Protein backbone atom coordinates (compact mmCIF):
# COMPACT_ATOMS: atom_id res chain seq x y z
CA MET A 1 -111.67 -14.16 17.20
CA LYS A 2 -110.31 -13.83 20.72
CA GLU A 3 -111.86 -17.18 21.59
CA ALA A 4 -110.10 -18.80 18.63
CA ARG A 5 -106.72 -17.35 19.66
CA THR A 6 -107.28 -18.51 23.23
CA ALA A 7 -108.24 -22.02 22.13
CA ARG A 8 -105.22 -22.23 19.82
CA LEU A 9 -102.87 -21.11 22.59
CA ARG A 10 -104.43 -23.58 25.06
CA ASP A 11 -103.74 -26.36 22.54
CA ILE A 12 -100.14 -25.20 22.11
CA LEU A 13 -99.61 -25.08 25.88
CA ALA A 14 -101.07 -28.58 26.27
CA ARG A 15 -98.68 -30.02 23.66
CA SER A 16 -95.54 -28.24 24.89
CA PRO A 17 -93.50 -30.43 27.25
CA GLU A 18 -91.65 -27.44 28.76
CA VAL A 19 -94.88 -25.81 29.99
CA THR A 20 -95.24 -26.03 33.77
CA ILE A 21 -98.66 -24.38 34.07
CA ASP A 22 -101.34 -26.57 35.63
CA ASP A 23 -104.41 -24.56 34.55
CA GLN A 24 -103.70 -24.12 30.86
CA THR A 25 -107.18 -22.84 30.03
CA THR A 26 -106.89 -19.92 32.43
CA ALA A 27 -103.28 -19.37 31.39
CA ALA A 28 -104.32 -19.10 27.74
CA HIS A 29 -106.96 -16.49 28.63
CA LEU A 30 -104.43 -14.54 30.70
CA VAL A 31 -101.76 -14.58 28.00
CA VAL A 32 -104.09 -13.51 25.19
CA SER A 33 -105.64 -10.75 27.31
CA THR A 34 -102.24 -9.56 28.54
CA ILE A 35 -100.85 -9.32 25.04
CA GLU A 36 -103.89 -7.42 23.77
CA MET A 37 -103.90 -4.92 26.64
CA VAL A 38 -100.15 -4.37 26.82
CA VAL A 39 -99.68 -3.97 23.08
CA HIS A 40 -102.55 -1.51 22.81
CA HIS A 41 -101.46 0.49 25.84
CA LEU A 42 -97.76 0.67 25.00
CA LEU A 43 -98.00 1.21 21.24
CA ALA A 44 -100.87 3.70 21.32
CA GLY A 45 -99.79 5.58 24.44
CA PRO A 46 -98.20 9.01 24.66
CA GLU A 47 -94.68 7.51 24.73
CA PRO A 48 -94.92 4.44 22.48
CA ILE A 49 -92.32 1.70 22.69
CA GLU A 50 -90.63 0.51 19.52
CA PRO A 51 -92.54 -2.59 18.30
CA GLU A 52 -89.39 -4.73 18.09
CA ARG A 53 -88.40 -3.95 21.68
CA LEU A 54 -91.93 -4.60 22.90
CA GLU A 55 -92.04 -7.94 21.06
CA THR A 56 -88.71 -9.04 22.53
CA GLN A 57 -89.73 -8.21 26.08
CA LEU A 58 -93.19 -9.75 25.77
CA ILE A 59 -91.69 -12.98 24.47
CA GLU A 60 -89.21 -13.08 27.34
CA MET A 61 -91.88 -12.34 29.96
CA LEU A 62 -94.37 -14.88 28.66
CA SER A 63 -91.72 -17.56 28.08
CA ARG A 64 -90.66 -17.29 31.70
CA TYR A 65 -94.30 -17.47 32.83
CA ARG A 66 -95.04 -20.65 30.90
CA THR A 67 -91.85 -22.46 31.93
CA ALA A 68 -91.37 -21.27 35.52
CA SER A 69 -90.44 -23.89 38.07
CA HIS A 70 -92.99 -24.41 40.81
CA ASP A 71 -90.06 -24.89 43.19
CA ALA A 72 -88.31 -21.64 42.28
CA PRO A 73 -87.94 -18.99 44.97
CA GLY A 74 -90.84 -16.57 44.77
CA SER A 75 -93.01 -18.98 42.78
CA SER A 76 -95.58 -19.40 45.52
CA PRO A 77 -98.59 -17.12 45.34
CA GLY A 78 -97.85 -15.55 48.71
CA PRO A 79 -100.42 -14.00 51.02
CA PRO A 80 -103.68 -12.77 49.53
CA LEU A 81 -103.87 -9.11 48.62
CA SER A 82 -106.37 -7.13 50.64
């Protein structure tokens, strides 16, 4: 099931002209995994977030990720973490 969602998202990313992500396969895996983990953690946690607020913020976060300019300040990966 997760593989099907990832494949579907990869196809959507590949067809979307506004997407600026070079590695769409990895991006699809990251987005699907992020959504699963964040939703589970924030809705089932001790202080759950309202589903509508969580949805709004996830959409905003992921929309910015998929359309970010490679030339934008702060868009470079920076030094490796040790």
